[in-house]
Amino acid sequence: MKESPFLLQWQTWLRCDDKSVFISSQAVTVRLVNPVEIEMFEIKRICCIGAGYVGGPTCSVIAQMCPEITVTVVDVNETRIKAWNSDTLPIYEPGLKEVVESCRGKNLFFSTDIPSAIKDADLVFISVSHAVSACVNTPTKTYGMGKGRAADLKFIESCARQIVEVSDGYKIVTEKSTVPVRAAESIRRIFDANTKPSLNLQVLSNPEFLAEGTAVRDLKEPDRVLIGGDETPEGQRAIRALCAVYEHWVPKSRIITTNTWSSELSKLAANAFLAQRISSINSISALCEATGADVEEVAKAIGMDQRIGSKFLKASVGFGGSCFQKDVLNLVYLCEALNLPEVASYWQQVIDMNEYQRRRFACRIIDCLFNTVTGKKIALLGFSFKKDTGDTRESSSIYISKYLMDEGAKLFIYDPKVLKQQIIYDLSQPSISEDNPERVSELVTITSDPYEACQSAHALVICTEWDMFRELDYEKIYKKMLKPAFIFDGRRVLDHLHAELQSIGFQIETIGKKVTSARIPYTPAIVGSRTASTEPPTKKAKA
């Protein structure tokens, strides 16, 4: 009876191992390029579990770039899958709709039939999904040990058990998004404990490095693709198979292969470093406001140093999104668990500074409005955590709204992409509504027009850097607002309009800069008008 390729490879490895107790990485590499010993595995069908912000765009781009590969994205959330199959996608991302429509129904499919998609696939992605999806999510624990910091892996575990239950033959299972270090080991232990004679599952780590708002571009022109796996012949074979998928459009020089643990930690570290830069420049913004410096000028000066660079040096009301806070807190918890308290404390300061920046901005609004906002109408423009996305996860707008609601302010909120029900949902969470969700209906109004939001408002607060906010008719807005009319620019989007806005009559407050009032025109005094009181007093002569 002819032996299977897998058995031949495994026996070859064992025979080599019998001759030498230690197999060097060089020896493994040599075997990889020998087609006799390691036969190349070709991926023809991909299943992605989780149709959220990572799984949907990632697999849509793979389908477009690899027309010979059939890609099926699955989720238990029927509403979400219906949206992916409709003209109105469940998430907004520039260019995504065009990508989906170019291959949907050809080699890209969205389905709720998870078992069939897993069974048919050569490669299964476990992809982090939006919180409303019960299929896969890697949230921070809200209970028990590690509450508020550790990742909750129950959905990852559930996926792993379902995969091993319905799978047969050879299959590659890949973590697609941020998971704690050694999560792959947990998945592998579940596989090993439930193995079958006909089953061979290989586990890889392939974290995403996407920025919402530019996800399609990031996927098509990535800085790097990172793939981690076992340093065994079978592990290297799986890595090579996944590399071959990306090599359809990504240069080989940008595809990095590591062991599994390095891949997982690299994702956490990357997000922690990005969050750190934002908190660093935000700390400088507070110093600039106290001294009269301009944080934009400071950021430009230090960013021109090639060792530092200019990216992620934009001061604002703080970072948001699904990854930064979650990943930094995860890193803090990991350090504490490994008895590295000094390292944990260092990264905790990144989170503490972000919270400080949000609260400081809210306090500034209250102070400028004569130390009270109770009953006052405040227009809040922008609710997503950044422009060009409808994602509100950990948005600074949520926390600014909370602090103002705590003081009794009446908020009129406008965002061009975030749905009304999403805003209400976010503000009704117990940690935001102070266990009093009724106050949201009393204090919050969602508007579909920015001018309506500003009607009779005491202040206008910009929390998201949507481009449209630069183009608003501020003279029209000023006429409709109560006086004095304030603008609080939490994103520095109106810097080029300060002189014009001041001439209209606005009082302007912004991040990292003192906006001085327009100077009063100088009128020269009439010659000979100097009064005696402006001259030095005449001393009386001593008698």
Protein backbone atom coordinates (compact mmCIF):
# COMPACT_ATOMS: atom_id res chain seq x y z
CA MET A 1 0.00 0.00 0.00
CA LYS A 2 1.35 3.37 -0.98
CA GLU A 3 2.06 5.62 1.97
CA SER A 4 0.52 9.11 2.11
CA PRO A 5 2.78 12.10 1.47
CA PHE A 6 2.26 13.19 5.07
CA LEU A 7 3.46 9.87 6.52
CA LEU A 8 6.49 9.85 4.28
CA GLN A 9 7.41 13.36 5.38
CA TRP A 10 6.90 12.54 9.04
CA GLN A 11 9.01 9.37 8.83
CA THR A 12 11.75 11.22 6.97
CA TRP A 13 11.84 13.76 9.74
CA LEU A 14 12.00 11.02 12.39
CA ARG A 15 14.84 9.25 10.62
CA CYS A 16 16.76 12.51 10.42
CA ASP A 17 16.02 13.15 14.05
CA ASP A 18 17.34 9.67 14.99
CA LYS A 19 20.69 10.55 13.47
CA SER A 20 20.89 13.93 15.16
CA VAL A 21 19.14 14.87 18.38
CA PHE A 22 19.14 18.55 17.41
CA ILE A 23 17.90 19.71 14.00
CA SER A 24 19.33 23.10 13.13
CA SER A 25 17.21 25.79 11.48
CA GLN A 26 19.50 25.54 8.47
CA ALA A 27 18.71 21.86 8.08
CA VAL A 28 14.98 22.61 8.18
CA THR A 29 15.42 25.28 5.53
CA VAL A 30 17.25 22.87 3.26
CA ARG A 31 14.43 20.35 3.53
CA LEU A 32 11.90 23.04 2.64
CA VAL A 33 13.39 23.56 -0.79
CA ASN A 34 13.67 19.83 -1.46
CA PRO A 35 10.42 18.84 -3.24
CA VAL A 36 11.13 15.16 -2.66
CA GLU A 37 10.95 15.44 1.12
CA ILE A 38 8.44 18.31 1.56
CA GLU A 39 5.74 18.49 -1.04
CA MET A 40 4.25 21.96 -1.52
CA PHE A 41 0.68 22.27 -0.25
CA GLU A 42 -1.57 24.42 -2.41
CA ILE A 43 -4.41 26.36 -0.81
CA LYS A 44 -7.51 26.36 -2.99
CA ARG A 45 -10.29 27.05 -0.48
CA ILE A 46 -10.24 29.50 2.42
CA CYS A 47 -12.78 29.81 5.24
CA CYS A 48 -12.78 32.85 7.51
CA ILE A 49 -14.66 32.59 10.80
CA GLY A 50 -15.83 36.10 11.67
CA ALA A 51 -17.32 38.61 9.23
CA GLY A 52 -16.20 41.76 11.03
CA TYR A 53 -13.73 44.59 10.58
CA VAL A 54 -10.81 42.22 10.00
CA GLY A 55 -12.29 39.12 8.37
CA GLY A 56 -14.54 40.91 5.87
CA PRO A 57 -12.01 43.30 4.27
CA THR A 58 -9.07 40.87 4.50
CA CYS A 59 -10.83 38.00 2.76
CA SER A 60 -12.43 40.30 0.19
CA VAL A 61 -9.00 41.53 -0.89
CA ILE A 62 -7.60 37.97 -0.93
CA ALA A 63 -10.51 36.91 -3.17
CA GLN A 64 -9.87 39.82 -5.54
CA MET A 65 -6.13 39.21 -5.70
CA CYS A 66 -6.41 35.41 -5.95
CA PRO A 67 -9.30 34.66 -8.35
CA GLU A 68 -8.41 30.95 -8.43
CA ILE A 69 -8.99 30.63 -4.63
CA THR A 70 -12.54 30.26 -3.30
CA VAL A 71 -13.04 32.37 -0.16
CA THR A 72 -16.00 31.93 2.18
CA VAL A 73 -16.57 34.27 5.13
CA VAL A 74 -18.86 32.82 7.82
CA ASP A 75 -20.55 34.20 10.91
CA VAL A 76 -23.43 33.21 13.19
CA ASN A 77 -24.88 36.69 12.89
CA GLU A 78 -27.47 36.39 10.09
CA THR A 79 -28.08 40.13 9.91
CA ARG A 80 -24.40 40.79 9.34
CA ILE A 81 -24.14 38.13 6.63
CA LYS A 82 -27.22 39.52 4.87
CA ALA A 83 -25.58 42.94 4.89
CA TRP A 84 -22.42 41.54 3.31
CA ASN A 85 -24.61 40.05 0.58
CA SER A 86 -26.46 43.33 0.02
CA ASP A 87 -25.66 46.73 -1.49
CA THR A 88 -25.21 48.17 2.02
CA LEU A 89 -22.17 46.58 3.67
CA PRO A 90 -22.17 46.26 7.47
CA ILE A 91 -19.01 48.35 7.80
CA TYR A 92 -17.79 51.47 6.03
CA GLU A 93 -14.31 51.41 4.56
CA PRO A 94 -13.19 53.47 1.54
CA GLY A 95 -12.91 51.22 -1.53
CA LEU A 96 -14.29 48.13 0.18
CA LYS A 97 -17.63 48.07 -1.61
CA GLU A 98 -15.93 48.04 -5.00
CA VAL A 99 -13.67 45.16 -3.95
CA VAL A 100 -16.60 43.08 -2.64
CA GLU A 101 -18.76 43.69 -5.69
CA SER A 102 -15.94 42.69 -8.04
CA CYS A 103 -15.76 39.11 -6.75
CA ARG A 104 -18.87 38.41 -4.64
CA GLY A 105 -20.73 35.43 -6.08
CA LYS A 106 -17.67 34.43 -8.13
CA ASN A 107 -15.02 33.33 -5.67
CA LEU A 108 -16.16 35.31 -2.62
CA PHE A 109 -19.11 34.12 -0.53
CA PHE A 110 -20.71 35.11 2.77
CA SER A 111 -22.59 32.44 4.70
CA THR A 112 -23.92 31.31 8.08
CA ASP A 113 -23.17 27.65 7.32
CA ILE A 114 -20.02 27.48 9.42
CA PRO A 115 -19.51 23.67 9.59
CA SER A 116 -19.65 23.19 5.81
CA ALA A 117 -17.24 26.07 5.16
CA ILE A 118 -14.74 24.70 7.69
CA LYS A 119 -14.99 21.16 6.34
CA ASP A 120 -14.37 22.22 2.73
CA ALA A 121 -11.50 24.62 3.47
CA ASP A 122 -7.76 24.05 3.14
CA LEU A 123 -7.11 27.12 5.29
CA VAL A 124 -9.26 28.44 8.16
CA PHE A 125 -8.78 31.97 9.45
CA ILE A 126 -9.93 32.69 13.01
CA SER A 127 -10.61 36.40 12.67
CA VAL A 128 -11.60 38.92 15.31
CA SER A 129 -15.08 40.21 14.59
CA HIS A 130 -17.11 43.18 15.75
CA ALA A 131 -18.66 42.90 19.20
CA VAL A 132 -22.13 42.23 17.80
CA SER A 133 -20.87 39.02 16.22
CA ALA A 134 -21.04 36.02 18.49
CA CYS A 135 -18.84 33.99 16.19
CA VAL A 136 -15.40 35.24 17.08
CA ASN A 137 -14.43 38.08 19.33
CA THR A 138 -11.36 38.69 21.46
CA PRO A 139 -12.62 41.23 23.99
CA THR A 140 -11.09 42.16 27.30
CA LYS A 141 -12.44 40.16 30.23
CA THR A 142 -15.14 41.91 32.24
CA TYR A 143 -15.13 39.40 35.09
CA GLY A 144 -12.88 37.26 37.28
CA MET A 145 -9.09 37.13 37.17
CA GLY A 146 -7.62 39.67 34.79
CA LYS A 147 -10.83 41.71 34.67
CA GLY A 148 -10.38 44.81 32.52
CA ARG A 149 -7.01 43.70 31.11
CA ALA A 150 -6.75 40.02 30.15
CA ALA A 151 -8.18 38.84 26.85
CA ASP A 152 -11.29 36.69 26.96
CA LEU A 153 -10.48 33.63 24.84
CA LYS A 154 -13.75 31.75 25.23
CA PHE A 155 -14.79 32.48 21.63
CA ILE A 156 -11.39 31.46 20.29
CA GLU A 157 -11.66 28.21 22.23
CA SER A 158 -15.17 27.64 20.93
CA CYS A 159 -13.95 28.07 17.35
CA ALA A 160 -11.06 25.68 17.91
CA ARG A 161 -13.40 23.00 19.21
CA GLN A 162 -15.77 23.43 16.29
CA ILE A 163 -12.91 23.24 13.80
CA VAL A 164 -11.54 19.99 15.20
CA GLU A 165 -15.02 18.50 15.41
CA VAL A 166 -15.95 18.93 11.73
CA SER A 167 -12.53 18.76 10.08
CA ASP A 168 -10.86 15.89 8.28
CA GLY A 169 -7.56 15.47 6.45
CA TYR A 170 -4.91 18.19 6.27
CA LYS A 171 -5.89 21.74 7.23
CA ILE A 172 -4.10 24.94 8.20
CA VAL A 173 -5.71 26.96 11.02
CA THR A 174 -4.54 30.56 11.31
CA GLU A 175 -5.02 33.20 14.00
CA LYS A 176 -5.78 36.32 12.01
CA SER A 177 -5.90 39.06 14.58
CA THR A 178 -4.63 40.16 17.94
CA VAL A 179 -4.57 37.36 20.47
CA PRO A 180 -2.51 36.92 23.64
CA VAL A 181 0.95 35.44 23.35
CA ARG A 182 0.76 31.62 23.37
CA ALA A 183 -2.89 31.58 22.26
CA ALA A 184 -1.79 29.34 19.39
CA GLU A 185 -0.50 26.89 21.97
CA SER A 186 -3.97 26.79 23.54
CA ILE A 187 -5.55 26.11 20.15
CA ARG A 188 -2.99 23.39 19.42
CA ARG A 189 -3.63 21.67 22.77
CA ILE A 190 -7.35 21.53 21.97
CA PHE A 191 -6.53 20.01 18.59
CA ASP A 192 -4.10 17.46 20.07
CA ALA A 193 -6.58 16.41 22.75
CA ASN A 194 -9.30 15.79 20.15
CA THR A 195 -7.25 14.41 17.28
CA LYS A 196 -8.39 11.73 14.84
CA PRO A 197 -6.27 9.29 12.80
CA SER A 198 -7.25 11.03 9.56
CA LEU A 199 -6.77 14.59 10.85
CA ASN A 200 -3.69 16.81 10.58
CA LEU A 201 -4.14 20.40 11.74
CA GLN A 202 -1.32 22.95 11.56
CA VAL A 203 -1.61 26.20 13.56
CA LEU A 204 -0.20 29.51 12.29
CA SER A 205 -0.25 33.10 13.49
CA ASN A 206 -0.91 35.75 10.84
CA PRO A 207 -1.82 39.01 12.64
CA GLU A 208 -3.32 41.91 10.71
CA PHE A 209 -1.76 45.37 10.67
CA LEU A 210 -4.66 47.39 9.30
CA ALA A 211 -5.69 50.93 10.06
CA GLU A 212 -9.40 51.57 9.77
CA GLY A 213 -10.11 54.12 7.09
CA THR A 214 -7.20 52.83 4.99
CA ALA A 215 -7.75 49.06 5.39
CA VAL A 216 -8.12 48.27 1.68
CA ARG A 217 -4.95 50.16 0.82
CA ASP A 218 -3.12 48.56 3.75
CA LEU A 219 -4.15 45.11 2.52
CA LYS A 220 -3.15 45.73 -1.09
CA GLU A 221 0.09 47.57 -0.26
CA PRO A 222 1.17 46.23 3.14
CA ASP A 223 4.33 47.35 4.93
CA ARG A 224 4.80 43.71 5.85
CA VAL A 225 2.97 40.42 6.16
CA LEU A 226 3.88 38.45 9.28
CA ILE A 227 3.43 34.68 9.47
CA GLY A 228 4.45 32.60 12.48
CA GLY A 229 4.45 28.84 12.82
CA ASP A 230 6.19 25.78 14.22
CA GLU A 231 9.85 25.24 13.45
CA THR A 232 9.14 21.68 12.29
CA PRO A 233 9.01 20.51 8.68
CA GLU A 234 5.21 20.38 8.80
CA GLY A 235 5.05 23.81 10.40
CA GLN A 236 7.34 25.25 7.75
CA ARG A 237 5.27 23.59 5.04
CA ALA A 238 2.16 25.34 6.35
CA ILE A 239 3.99 28.68 6.47
CA ARG A 240 5.12 28.24 2.89
CA ALA A 241 1.57 27.47 1.75
CA LEU A 242 0.23 30.69 3.30
CA CYS A 243 3.17 32.68 1.92
CA ALA A 244 2.21 31.47 -1.55
CA VAL A 245 -1.25 33.07 -1.14
CA TYR A 246 0.18 36.48 -0.26
CA GLU A 247 2.85 36.26 -2.95
CA HIS A 248 0.10 36.76 -5.54
CA TRP A 249 0.47 40.49 -4.86
CA VAL A 250 2.93 41.08 -2.00
CA PRO A 251 6.69 41.15 -2.74
CA LYS A 252 8.55 38.30 -1.01
CA SER A 253 10.80 40.83 0.71
CA ARG A 254 7.80 42.09 2.68
CA ILE A 255 6.70 38.66 3.93
CA ILE A 256 8.29 37.92 7.30
CA THR A 257 8.27 34.42 8.81
CA THR A 258 8.91 33.78 12.51
CA ASN A 259 8.04 31.28 15.18
CA THR A 260 4.48 31.48 16.51
CA TRP A 261 5.29 33.27 19.73
CA SER A 262 7.30 36.03 18.03
CA SER A 263 4.43 36.63 15.62
CA GLU A 264 1.87 36.97 18.41
CA LEU A 265 4.05 39.28 20.51
CA SER A 266 4.96 41.42 17.49
CA LYS A 267 1.32 42.37 17.02
CA LEU A 268 0.88 43.38 20.66
CA ALA A 269 4.16 45.29 20.66
CA ALA A 270 3.33 47.14 17.41
CA ASN A 271 0.04 48.45 18.77
CA ALA A 272 1.63 49.30 22.11
CA PHE A 273 4.34 51.36 20.38
CA LEU A 274 1.80 53.24 18.26
CA ALA A 275 -0.37 53.99 21.30
CA GLN A 276 2.73 55.09 23.19
CA ARG A 277 3.58 57.70 20.53
CA ILE A 278 0.08 59.18 20.72
CA SER A 279 0.17 59.37 24.51
CA SER A 280 3.66 60.89 24.34
CA ILE A 281 2.64 63.74 22.04
CA ASN A 282 -0.57 64.27 24.04
CA SER A 283 1.50 64.69 27.20
CA ILE A 284 3.52 67.35 25.38
CA SER A 285 0.27 69.04 24.29
CA ALA A 286 -0.61 69.69 27.93
CA LEU A 287 2.81 71.26 28.44
CA CYS A 288 2.35 73.39 25.32
CA GLU A 289 -0.96 74.78 26.58
CA ALA A 290 0.70 75.71 29.87
CA THR A 291 3.71 77.42 28.29
CA GLY A 292 2.40 78.99 25.08
CA ALA A 293 4.15 76.57 22.71
CA ASP A 294 2.28 74.98 19.79
CA VAL A 295 2.28 71.17 19.82
CA GLU A 296 1.96 71.08 16.01
CA GLU A 297 5.20 73.03 15.68
CA VAL A 298 6.89 70.85 18.29
CA ALA A 299 5.69 67.67 16.54
CA LYS A 300 7.00 68.91 13.19
CA ALA A 301 10.38 69.75 14.68
CA ILE A 302 10.91 66.42 16.39
CA GLY A 303 9.30 64.47 13.54
CA MET A 304 11.94 65.69 11.11
CA ASP A 305 14.49 63.73 13.09
CA GLN A 306 14.79 60.56 11.02
CA ARG A 307 15.32 58.50 14.16
CA ILE A 308 11.85 59.53 15.37
CA GLY A 309 9.80 60.14 12.23
CA SER A 310 6.60 62.13 11.85
CA LYS A 311 3.90 59.45 11.98
CA PHE A 312 1.56 59.18 14.95
CA LEU A 313 2.64 62.53 16.36
CA LYS A 314 -0.77 64.17 16.00
CA ALA A 315 -2.07 65.51 19.32
CA SER A 316 -5.79 64.97 19.90
CA VAL A 317 -8.41 64.03 22.47
CA GLY A 318 -6.85 60.57 22.66
CA PHE A 319 -6.66 57.31 20.76
CA GLY A 320 -9.56 54.91 20.31
CA GLY A 321 -10.48 51.88 18.23
CA SER A 322 -10.69 48.20 18.94
CA CYS A 323 -6.98 47.46 19.31
CA PHE A 324 -4.83 50.01 21.07
CA GLN A 325 -6.34 50.05 24.56
CA LYS A 326 -7.18 46.34 24.51
CA ASP A 327 -3.70 45.34 23.39
CA VAL A 328 -1.82 47.61 25.78
CA LEU A 329 -3.91 46.36 28.72
CA ASN A 330 -3.29 42.82 27.53
CA LEU A 331 0.44 43.54 27.51
CA VAL A 332 0.21 45.00 31.03
CA TYR A 333 -1.56 41.88 32.28
CA LEU A 334 0.97 39.61 30.56
CA CYS A 335 3.87 41.45 32.22
CA GLU A 336 2.24 41.22 35.63
CA ALA A 337 1.59 37.50 35.15
CA LEU A 338 5.27 37.02 34.26
CA ASN A 339 6.37 38.96 37.35
CA LEU A 340 7.58 42.02 35.45
CA PRO A 341 5.88 44.80 37.48
CA GLU A 342 8.16 47.60 36.25
CA VAL A 343 7.41 46.75 32.63
CA ALA A 344 3.69 46.52 33.38
CA SER A 345 3.75 49.92 35.09
CA TYR A 346 5.53 51.49 32.12
CA TRP A 347 2.86 50.40 29.64
CA GLN A 348 0.01 51.22 32.03
CA GLN A 349 1.09 54.85 31.85
CA VAL A 350 0.19 54.86 28.14
CA ILE A 351 -3.43 54.11 29.07
CA ASP A 352 -3.40 56.52 32.02
CA MET A 353 -2.21 59.38 29.79
CA ASN A 354 -4.94 58.65 27.25
CA GLU A 355 -7.61 58.82 29.95
CA TYR A 356 -6.05 62.00 31.34
CA GLN A 357 -6.18 63.68 27.92
CA ARG A 358 -9.88 62.93 27.49
CA ARG A 359 -10.81 64.16 30.96
CA ARG A 360 -8.61 67.23 30.61
CA PHE A 361 -10.38 68.22 27.38
CA ALA A 362 -13.81 67.78 28.95
CA CYS A 363 -12.78 69.85 31.97
CA ARG A 364 -11.57 72.59 29.65
CA ILE A 365 -15.01 72.73 28.01
CA ILE A 366 -16.68 73.03 31.41
CA ASP A 367 -14.24 75.68 32.65
CA CYS A 368 -14.67 77.87 29.57
CA LEU A 369 -18.46 77.68 29.79
CA PHE A 370 -18.31 79.55 33.10
CA ASN A 371 -17.67 76.39 35.11
CA THR A 372 -21.06 74.84 34.44
CA VAL A 373 -22.70 73.03 31.53
CA THR A 374 -25.84 71.91 33.33
CA GLY A 375 -28.79 72.27 30.98
CA LYS A 376 -26.63 73.84 28.28
CA LYS A 377 -26.83 72.61 24.69
CA ILE A 378 -23.50 71.42 23.31
CA ALA A 379 -23.05 70.29 19.70
CA LEU A 380 -20.70 67.32 19.43
CA LEU A 381 -19.45 66.78 15.88
CA GLY A 382 -18.02 63.32 15.17
CA PHE A 383 -18.57 60.10 17.09
CA SER A 384 -16.44 57.48 15.31
CA PHE A 385 -12.97 57.00 16.77
CA LYS A 386 -11.37 58.37 13.57
CA LYS A 387 -12.45 59.66 10.18
CA ASP A 388 -13.42 57.43 7.25
CA THR A 389 -14.90 54.70 9.43
CA GLY A 390 -18.15 54.04 11.23
CA ASP A 391 -16.39 52.20 14.07
CA THR A 392 -17.01 53.68 17.52
CA ARG A 393 -15.17 51.15 19.68
CA GLU A 394 -13.31 52.96 22.48
CA SER A 395 -13.95 56.27 20.70
CA SER A 396 -12.88 59.33 22.69
CA SER A 397 -16.27 60.82 21.78
CA ILE A 398 -17.92 58.29 24.09
CA TYR A 399 -15.86 59.44 27.06
CA ILE A 400 -16.17 63.15 26.31
CA SER A 401 -19.94 62.61 26.14
CA LYS A 402 -19.87 60.75 29.45
CA TYR A 403 -18.02 63.53 31.28
CA LEU A 404 -20.38 66.18 29.89
CA MET A 405 -23.47 64.10 30.70
CA ASP A 406 -22.14 63.69 34.24
CA GLU A 407 -22.39 67.48 34.48
CA GLY A 408 -25.92 67.58 33.05
CA ALA A 409 -25.10 68.92 29.58
CA LYS A 410 -27.59 68.41 26.74
CA LEU A 411 -25.69 66.86 23.84
CA PHE A 412 -26.66 67.13 20.18
CA ILE A 413 -24.49 64.63 18.31
CA TYR A 414 -23.76 64.44 14.58
CA ASP A 415 -21.62 61.93 12.68
CA PRO A 416 -21.81 61.31 8.91
CA LYS A 417 -21.33 57.52 9.17
CA VAL A 418 -22.27 56.27 12.64
CA LEU A 419 -25.85 55.07 13.00
CA LYS A 420 -28.14 56.52 15.66
CA GLN A 421 -28.69 53.17 17.35
CA GLN A 422 -24.95 52.64 17.65
CA ILE A 423 -24.47 55.99 19.42
CA ILE A 424 -27.33 55.27 21.82
CA TYR A 425 -25.97 51.78 22.47
CA ASP A 426 -22.48 53.08 23.27
CA LEU A 427 -23.70 55.81 25.62
CA SER A 428 -26.11 53.44 27.38
CA GLN A 429 -23.40 51.05 28.56
CA PRO A 430 -23.32 50.86 32.40
CA SER A 431 -19.78 52.23 32.63
CA ILE A 432 -20.80 55.28 30.58
CA SER A 433 -24.36 55.92 31.74
CA GLU A 434 -23.52 55.38 35.43
CA ASP A 435 -26.11 52.56 35.54
CA ASN A 436 -28.75 55.08 34.52
CA PRO A 437 -29.41 54.51 30.79
CA GLU A 438 -32.55 56.66 31.02
CA ARG A 439 -30.36 59.75 31.23
CA VAL A 440 -29.23 59.13 27.64
CA SER A 441 -32.74 59.68 26.31
CA GLU A 442 -33.01 62.81 28.47
CA LEU A 443 -29.67 64.39 27.61
CA VAL A 444 -28.73 63.10 24.12
CA THR A 445 -30.23 63.97 20.73
CA ILE A 446 -28.86 62.46 17.51
CA THR A 447 -29.11 64.74 14.50
CA SER A 448 -28.64 64.11 10.78
CA ASP A 449 -27.41 67.63 10.04
CA PRO A 450 -24.45 69.48 11.61
CA TYR A 451 -26.19 72.86 11.35
CA GLU A 452 -29.18 71.49 13.24
CA ALA A 453 -26.84 70.21 15.96
CA CYS A 454 -25.36 73.72 16.37
CA GLN A 455 -28.73 75.57 16.48
CA SER A 456 -28.90 77.54 19.79
CA ALA A 457 -25.83 75.72 21.15
CA HIS A 458 -23.47 77.22 23.69
CA ALA A 459 -20.49 75.38 22.22
CA LEU A 460 -19.38 73.29 19.26
CA VAL A 461 -17.03 70.39 20.05
CA ILE A 462 -15.12 68.59 17.28
CA CYS A 463 -14.21 65.04 18.35
CA THR A 464 -13.52 63.34 14.99
CA GLU A 465 -11.37 64.72 12.16
CA TRP A 466 -13.93 64.30 9.36
CA ASP A 467 -12.84 66.39 6.36
CA MET A 468 -16.33 67.86 6.00
CA PHE A 469 -15.91 69.76 9.27
CA ARG A 470 -13.30 71.96 7.57
CA GLU A 471 -15.84 72.98 4.94
CA LEU A 472 -18.81 73.98 7.13
CA ASP A 473 -20.30 77.47 6.88
CA TYR A 474 -19.13 78.75 10.25
CA GLU A 475 -20.60 82.21 9.75
CA LYS A 476 -24.01 80.58 9.37
CA ILE A 477 -23.34 78.44 12.45
CA TYR A 478 -22.23 81.44 14.52
CA LYS A 479 -25.44 83.33 13.80
CA LYS A 480 -27.50 80.42 15.16
CA MET A 481 -25.46 79.83 18.32
CA LEU A 482 -25.80 81.51 21.71
CA LYS A 483 -23.17 84.13 22.50
CA PRO A 484 -20.38 83.96 23.41
CA ALA A 485 -20.05 81.07 20.95
CA PHE A 486 -17.26 78.59 21.62
CA ILE A 487 -15.47 76.11 19.36
CA PHE A 488 -13.50 73.32 21.04
CA ASP A 489 -11.33 71.67 18.39
CA GLY A 490 -10.21 68.31 19.76
CA ARG A 491 -8.61 67.25 16.47
CA ARG A 492 -6.85 70.41 15.24
CA VAL A 493 -8.88 70.39 12.01
CA LEU A 494 -9.59 74.14 12.04
CA ASP A 495 -6.06 75.49 12.52
CA HIS A 496 -6.12 77.22 9.13
CA LEU A 497 -9.36 79.01 10.01
CA HIS A 498 -8.52 80.51 13.40
CA ALA A 499 -8.18 84.12 12.19
CA GLU A 500 -11.37 83.87 10.14
CA LEU A 501 -13.33 82.24 12.98
CA GLN A 502 -12.16 84.90 15.43
CA SER A 503 -13.20 87.66 13.07
CA ILE A 504 -16.65 86.07 12.92
CA GLY A 505 -16.79 86.18 16.71
CA PHE A 506 -15.95 82.65 17.90
CA GLN A 507 -13.99 81.93 21.06
CA ILE A 508 -11.58 79.11 20.05
CA GLU A 509 -10.01 76.48 22.24
CA THR A 510 -7.84 73.73 20.76
CA ILE A 511 -5.47 70.93 21.76
CA GLY A 512 -1.85 71.85 22.47
CA LYS A 513 -2.05 75.56 21.77
CA LYS A 514 -3.25 78.81 23.30
CA VAL A 515 -5.30 80.60 20.67
CA THR A 516 -4.75 84.29 21.41
CA SER A 517 -7.53 86.74 20.74
CA ALA A 518 -7.26 88.95 17.68
CA ARG A 519 -5.35 92.10 18.44
CA ILE A 520 -7.22 95.38 18.83
CA PRO A 521 -6.23 97.68 15.95
CA TYR A 522 -3.69 100.29 17.02
CA THR A 523 -4.85 103.91 16.73
CA PRO A 524 -2.04 106.48 17.01
CA ALA A 525 -2.57 109.22 19.56
CA ILE A 526 -3.11 112.83 18.44
CA VAL A 527 0.04 114.94 18.68
CA GLY A 528 0.03 117.18 21.72
CA SER A 529 -2.69 115.22 23.46
CA ARG A 530 -0.43 113.77 26.13
CA THR A 531 -1.78 114.76 29.49
CA ALA A 532 0.20 115.87 32.48
CA SER A 533 -0.75 112.63 34.25
CA THR A 534 1.40 110.64 31.81
CA GLU A 535 4.50 112.68 32.56
CA PRO A 536 6.80 112.18 35.52
CA PRO A 537 5.65 114.17 38.53
CA THR A 538 7.56 117.39 39.14
CA LYS A 539 9.57 117.33 42.32
CA LYS A 540 9.09 120.27 44.63
CA ALA A 541 12.22 122.29 45.37
CA LYS A 542 13.39 122.09 48.92
CA ALA A 543 12.95 125.25 50.86
